[in-house]
Amino acid sequence: MAKMLKKEARWYRESLLKIKERITEDVKHISEDALKKSQKEAAGDMSGYTLHPADVATDAYDREFSLSLASNDRNVLLQINDALKRIDEGTYGACEQCKKPIAKVRLKALPFARCCLKCQSIEEKNR
């Protein structure tokens, strides 16, 4: 595989860091909203009345959904950190399966991609 130019590597690093910053902020806000509020605060109800069981269930579902989104975002952050490590090691842009270059179009769309499209397809079929 031909080594990626320093200018290209710098561009991908900057892209990854921008995505990382945005996702980190998203995770922070989602986690704060989901974990720091009581169910009454989350529902906007500060009165002394108890919540209807359906409202409690909806709030619990919303909280669980938010935490699931945060978990998915954390997984993306791990992938971004891995991609940054590959840039440092000089292996970024090479498919982890077949070792061929990952298409630049794919890397621009998904800068933390580990595999070329062909190998990614095979990996997803095998799941």
C-alpha atoms as a PDB file:
ATOM      1  CA  MET A   1       0.000   0.000   0.000  1.00  0.00           C
ATOM      2  CA  ALA A   2       1.231   3.474  -0.831  1.00  0.00           C
ATOM      3  CA  LYS A   3       1.683   5.600   2.244  1.00  0.00           C
ATOM      4  CA  MET A   4      -0.819   8.395   2.754  1.00  0.00           C
ATOM      5  CA  LEU A   5       0.521  11.898   2.220  1.00  0.00           C
ATOM      6  CA  LYS A   6       1.088  13.950   5.372  1.00  0.00           C
ATOM      7  CA  LYS A   7      -1.333  16.600   4.081  1.00  0.00           C
ATOM      8  CA  GLU A   8      -4.045  13.963   3.611  1.00  0.00           C
ATOM      9  CA  ALA A   9      -3.396  12.431   7.025  1.00  0.00           C
ATOM     10  CA  ARG A  10      -3.631  15.878   8.625  1.00  0.00           C
ATOM     11  CA  TRP A  11      -6.970  16.524   6.872  1.00  0.00           C
ATOM     12  CA  TYR A  12      -8.396  13.202   8.120  1.00  0.00           C
ATOM     13  CA  ARG A  13      -7.062  13.857  11.641  1.00  0.00           C
ATOM     14  CA  GLU A  14      -8.772  17.267  11.702  1.00  0.00           C
ATOM     15  CA  SER A  15     -12.030  15.728  10.425  1.00  0.00           C
ATOM     16  CA  LEU A  16     -11.898  13.005  13.065  1.00  0.00           C
ATOM     17  CA  LEU A  17     -11.178  15.520  15.837  1.00  0.00           C
ATOM     18  CA  LYS A  18     -14.126  17.703  14.755  1.00  0.00           C
ATOM     19  CA  ILE A  19     -16.467  14.698  14.789  1.00  0.00           C
ATOM     20  CA  LYS A  20     -15.042  13.613  18.146  1.00  0.00           C
ATOM     21  CA  GLU A  21     -15.669  17.045  19.658  1.00  0.00           C
ATOM     22  CA  ARG A  22     -19.264  17.145  18.385  1.00  0.00           C
ATOM     23  CA  ILE A  23     -20.068  13.635  19.602  1.00  0.00           C
ATOM     24  CA  THR A  24     -18.423  14.254  22.982  1.00  0.00           C
ATOM     25  CA  GLU A  25     -20.685  17.280  23.472  1.00  0.00           C
ATOM     26  CA  ASP A  26     -23.732  15.262  22.373  1.00  0.00           C
ATOM     27  CA  VAL A  27     -22.930  12.454  24.827  1.00  0.00           C
ATOM     28  CA  LYS A  28     -22.425  14.983  27.609  1.00  0.00           C
ATOM     29  CA  HIS A  29     -25.795  16.638  26.991  1.00  0.00           C
ATOM     30  CA  ILE A  30     -27.681  13.366  26.551  1.00  0.00           C
ATOM     31  CA  SER A  31     -26.182  11.921  29.714  1.00  0.00           C
ATOM     32  CA  GLU A  32     -26.897  15.062  31.726  1.00  0.00           C
ATOM     33  CA  ASP A  33     -30.492  15.196  30.543  1.00  0.00           C
ATOM     34  CA  ALA A  34     -31.130  11.499  31.075  1.00  0.00           C
ATOM     35  CA  LEU A  35     -29.400  11.028  34.409  1.00  0.00           C
ATOM     36  CA  LYS A  36     -29.565  14.274  36.345  1.00  0.00           C
ATOM     37  CA  LYS A  37     -33.290  14.958  36.207  1.00  0.00           C
ATOM     38  CA  SER A  38     -35.939  13.322  38.320  1.00  0.00           C
ATOM     39  CA  GLN A  39     -38.923  11.964  36.439  1.00  0.00           C
ATOM     40  CA  LYS A  40     -41.049  14.930  37.499  1.00  0.00           C
ATOM     41  CA  GLU A  41     -38.384  17.396  36.279  1.00  0.00           C
ATOM     42  CA  ALA A  42     -38.012  15.510  33.014  1.00  0.00           C
ATOM     43  CA  ALA A  43     -41.774  15.704  32.510  1.00  0.00           C
ATOM     44  CA  GLY A  44     -41.790  19.408  33.385  1.00  0.00           C
ATOM     45  CA  ASP A  45     -44.093  18.723  36.340  1.00  0.00           C
ATOM     46  CA  MET A  46     -42.944  20.360  39.535  1.00  0.00           C
ATOM     47  CA  SER A  47     -46.314  20.074  41.308  1.00  0.00           C
ATOM     48  CA  GLY A  48     -46.953  17.809  44.260  1.00  0.00           C
ATOM     49  CA  TYR A  49     -49.108  15.439  42.210  1.00  0.00           C
ATOM     50  CA  THR A  50     -47.869  11.980  41.377  1.00  0.00           C
ATOM     51  CA  LEU A  51     -47.304  11.055  37.777  1.00  0.00           C
ATOM     52  CA  HIS A  52     -49.648   8.757  35.917  1.00  0.00           C
ATOM     53  CA  PRO A  53     -48.135   5.262  35.413  1.00  0.00           C
ATOM     54  CA  ALA A  54     -48.196   5.754  31.631  1.00  0.00           C
ATOM     55  CA  ASP A  55     -46.196   8.975  32.033  1.00  0.00           C
ATOM     56  CA  VAL A  56     -43.673   7.174  34.221  1.00  0.00           C
ATOM     57  CA  ALA A  57     -43.327   4.427  31.597  1.00  0.00           C
ATOM     58  CA  THR A  58     -42.903   6.967  28.795  1.00  0.00           C
ATOM     59  CA  ASP A  59     -40.277   8.842  30.801  1.00  0.00           C
ATOM     60  CA  ALA A  60     -38.428   5.601  31.518  1.00  0.00           C
ATOM     61  CA  TYR A  61     -38.525   4.673  27.828  1.00  0.00           C
ATOM     62  CA  ASP A  62     -37.256   8.134  26.810  1.00  0.00           C
ATOM     63  CA  ARG A  63     -34.456   7.945  29.359  1.00  0.00           C
ATOM     64  CA  GLU A  64     -33.454   4.451  28.194  1.00  0.00           C
ATOM     65  CA  PHE A  65     -33.556   5.571  24.550  1.00  0.00           C
ATOM     66  CA  SER A  66     -31.336   8.577  25.337  1.00  0.00           C
ATOM     67  CA  LEU A  67     -28.843   6.396  27.178  1.00  0.00           C
ATOM     68  CA  SER A  68     -28.809   3.992  24.230  1.00  0.00           C
ATOM     69  CA  LEU A  69     -27.976   6.890  21.889  1.00  0.00           C
ATOM     70  CA  ALA A  70     -25.185   7.955  24.234  1.00  0.00           C
ATOM     71  CA  SER A  71     -23.851   4.388  24.265  1.00  0.00           C
ATOM     72  CA  ASN A  72     -23.830   4.272  20.452  1.00  0.00           C
ATOM     73  CA  ASP A  73     -22.027   7.608  20.392  1.00  0.00           C
ATOM     74  CA  ARG A  74     -19.446   6.276  22.842  1.00  0.00           C
ATOM     75  CA  ASN A  75     -18.819   3.343  20.474  1.00  0.00           C
ATOM     76  CA  VAL A  76     -18.220   5.811  17.636  1.00  0.00           C
ATOM     77  CA  LEU A  77     -15.789   7.708  19.893  1.00  0.00           C
ATOM     78  CA  LEU A  78     -13.843   4.467  20.414  1.00  0.00           C
ATOM     79  CA  GLN A  79     -13.708   3.963  16.648  1.00  0.00           C
ATOM     80  CA  ILE A  80     -12.523   7.552  16.164  1.00  0.00           C
ATOM     81  CA  ASN A  81      -9.776   7.094  18.763  1.00  0.00           C
ATOM     82  CA  ASP A  82      -8.736   3.895  16.988  1.00  0.00           C
ATOM     83  CA  ALA A  83      -8.606   5.757  13.647  1.00  0.00           C
ATOM     84  CA  LEU A  84      -6.457   8.498  15.205  1.00  0.00           C
ATOM     85  CA  LYS A  85      -4.112   5.791  16.499  1.00  0.00           C
ATOM     86  CA  ARG A  86      -3.907   4.276  12.992  1.00  0.00           C
ATOM     87  CA  ILE A  87      -2.963   7.718  11.613  1.00  0.00           C
ATOM     88  CA  ASP A  88      -0.137   7.914  14.175  1.00  0.00           C
ATOM     89  CA  GLU A  89       1.020   4.387  13.266  1.00  0.00           C
ATOM     90  CA  GLY A  90       0.856   5.056   9.522  1.00  0.00           C
ATOM     91  CA  THR A  91      -1.747   2.338   8.865  1.00  0.00           C
ATOM     92  CA  TYR A  92      -4.749   4.635   8.421  1.00  0.00           C
ATOM     93  CA  GLY A  93      -6.558   4.183   5.114  1.00  0.00           C
ATOM     94  CA  ALA A  94      -5.633   0.510   4.717  1.00  0.00           C
ATOM     95  CA  CYS A  95      -8.348  -2.135   5.096  1.00  0.00           C
ATOM     96  CA  GLU A  96      -7.791  -4.207   8.226  1.00  0.00           C
ATOM     97  CA  GLN A  97      -8.956  -7.335   6.395  1.00  0.00           C
ATOM     98  CA  CYS A  98      -7.437  -7.304   2.909  1.00  0.00           C
ATOM     99  CA  LYS A  99      -4.795  -4.566   3.519  1.00  0.00           C
ATOM    100  CA  LYS A 100      -5.818  -2.770   0.298  1.00  0.00           C
ATOM    101  CA  PRO A 101      -6.454   0.990   0.372  1.00  0.00           C
ATOM    102  CA  ILE A 102      -9.911   2.103   1.498  1.00  0.00           C
ATOM    103  CA  ALA A 103     -11.531   4.328  -1.132  1.00  0.00           C
ATOM    104  CA  LYS A 104     -11.084   8.025  -0.390  1.00  0.00           C
ATOM    105  CA  VAL A 105     -14.806   8.552  -0.980  1.00  0.00           C
ATOM    106  CA  ARG A 106     -15.519   6.060   1.822  1.00  0.00           C
ATOM    107  CA  LEU A 107     -12.991   7.654   4.164  1.00  0.00           C
ATOM    108  CA  LYS A 108     -14.442  11.115   3.551  1.00  0.00           C
ATOM    109  CA  ALA A 109     -17.943   9.836   4.310  1.00  0.00           C
ATOM    110  CA  LEU A 110     -16.851   7.669   7.254  1.00  0.00           C
ATOM    111  CA  PRO A 111     -13.367   8.755   8.342  1.00  0.00           C
ATOM    112  CA  PHE A 112     -13.175   6.082  11.042  1.00  0.00           C
ATOM    113  CA  ALA A 113     -13.846   3.229   8.597  1.00  0.00           C
ATOM    114  CA  ARG A 114     -11.631   0.205   9.303  1.00  0.00           C
ATOM    115  CA  CYS A 115     -12.430  -1.824   6.201  1.00  0.00           C
ATOM    116  CA  CYS A 116     -12.960  -1.306   2.509  1.00  0.00           C
ATOM    117  CA  LEU A 117     -16.544  -1.578   1.300  1.00  0.00           C
ATOM    118  CA  LYS A 118     -16.096  -5.132  -0.002  1.00  0.00           C
ATOM    119  CA  CYS A 119     -14.672  -6.461   3.289  1.00  0.00           C
ATOM    120  CA  GLN A 120     -17.231  -4.494   5.316  1.00  0.00           C
ATOM    121  CA  SER A 121     -20.021  -6.143   3.306  1.00  0.00           C
ATOM    122  CA  ILE A 122     -18.590  -9.592   3.975  1.00  0.00           C
ATOM    123  CA  GLU A 123     -18.205  -8.787   7.693  1.00  0.00           C
ATOM    124  CA  GLU A 124     -21.837  -7.632   7.934  1.00  0.00           C
ATOM    125  CA  LYS A 125     -23.127 -10.724   6.128  1.00  0.00           C
ATOM    126  CA  ASN A 126     -21.262 -12.940   8.577  1.00  0.00           C
ATOM    127  CA  ARG A 127     -22.894 -11.329  11.619  1.00  0.00           C
END
